Protein backbone atom coordinates (compact mmCIF):
# COMPACT_ATOMS: atom_id res chain seq x y z
CA MET A 1 0.00 0.00 0.00
CA CYS A 2 2.76 2.44 0.98
CA LEU A 3 4.77 1.57 -2.15
CA ARG A 4 1.73 2.14 -4.31
CA LEU A 5 1.11 5.53 -2.72
CA ALA A 6 4.77 6.49 -3.23
CA ARG A 7 4.56 5.62 -6.94
CA LEU A 8 1.36 7.62 -7.31
CA LEU A 9 2.92 10.62 -5.56
CA ARG A 10 6.09 10.39 -7.67
CA SER A 11 3.99 10.23 -10.84
CA LEU A 12 1.94 13.23 -9.72
CA VAL A 13 5.02 15.33 -8.91
CA SER A 14 6.68 14.37 -12.19
CA SER A 15 3.56 15.31 -14.16
CA MET A 16 3.28 18.63 -12.32
CA GLY A 17 6.94 19.39 -13.10
CA LYS A 18 6.41 18.74 -16.80
CA TRP A 19 3.22 20.82 -16.78
CA MET A 20 5.00 23.75 -15.09
CA ILE A 21 7.82 23.64 -17.67
CA ALA A 22 5.32 23.69 -20.54
CA TYR A 23 3.35 26.51 -18.90
CA GLY A 24 6.52 28.53 -18.40
CA ARG A 25 7.54 28.13 -22.04
CA ILE A 26 4.21 29.58 -23.11
CA TRP A 27 4.18 32.59 -20.76
CA VAL A 28 7.84 33.57 -20.47
CA TYR A 29 9.01 36.08 -23.07
CA ILE A 30 12.26 35.08 -24.75
CA PRO A 31 13.66 37.96 -26.83
CA PRO A 32 14.89 37.20 -30.34
CA SER A 33 18.57 36.48 -30.63
CA ALA A 34 20.10 39.30 -32.65
CA GLN A 35 23.57 40.73 -32.91
CA PRO A 36 23.83 44.14 -31.24
CA PRO A 37 24.83 46.94 -33.60
CA ARG A 38 28.53 47.71 -33.66
CA PRO A 39 29.39 51.07 -32.05
CA ASP A 40 31.54 52.10 -35.03
CA SER A 41 31.29 51.37 -38.71
CA ARG A 42 34.99 50.77 -39.38
CA PRO A 43 35.71 47.58 -41.33
CA LEU A 44 37.30 44.77 -39.38
CA THR A 45 40.99 44.52 -40.23
CA GLY A 46 42.31 41.81 -37.95
CA PRO A 47 43.39 41.23 -34.37
CA VAL A 48 44.23 44.21 -32.19
CA ARG A 49 47.81 45.22 -31.45
CA GLY A 50 49.48 42.89 -28.96
CA HIS A 51 47.10 40.00 -29.68
CA PRO A 52 48.97 36.67 -29.57
CA GLU A 53 47.59 35.74 -33.01
CA ARG A 54 48.35 39.01 -34.74
CA LEU A 55 48.83 39.10 -38.49
CA CYS A 56 52.33 39.45 -39.95
CA PRO A 57 52.07 40.76 -43.52
CA GLU A 58 55.86 40.65 -43.93
CA VAL A 59 55.93 36.84 -43.49
CA PRO A 60 54.89 34.97 -46.66
CA LEU A 61 52.20 32.28 -46.47
CA ASN A 62 53.32 28.66 -46.44
CA GLU A 63 51.97 26.01 -48.86
CA ILE A 64 49.06 24.97 -46.63
CA GLU A 65 48.01 28.56 -46.02
CA LEU A 66 48.19 29.31 -49.76
CA ALA A 67 46.01 26.27 -50.52
CA LEU A 68 43.47 27.38 -47.91
CA ARG A 69 43.48 30.91 -49.32
CA ARG A 70 42.86 29.58 -52.86
CA GLU A 71 40.04 27.40 -51.55
CA LEU A 72 38.38 30.30 -49.73
CA LEU A 73 38.89 33.05 -52.28
CA GLY A 74 38.68 31.07 -55.51
CA SER A 75 41.25 29.82 -57.98
CA SER A 76 43.15 33.11 -58.30
CA GLY A 77 43.73 33.52 -54.57
CA ALA A 78 43.36 37.27 -54.95
CA GLU A 79 41.29 39.18 -52.47
CA PRO A 80 37.93 40.48 -53.72
């Protein structure tokens, strides 16, 4: 008898939990995910000064980097 009552109570609590989750999804406002506007309109040029992955234009690209560049930018490898 006690085991049967415990199962019934567990089932009731589980059902109430699922009902409350569903009810919350209906009535809680979730704002749309949008990117905030950038404060300035400057084009992005690369990492900031002192960044550990800064760009080095004076160092030529190796074979793998050249192949990746050709794959991304097309057969010529020239920037658009």
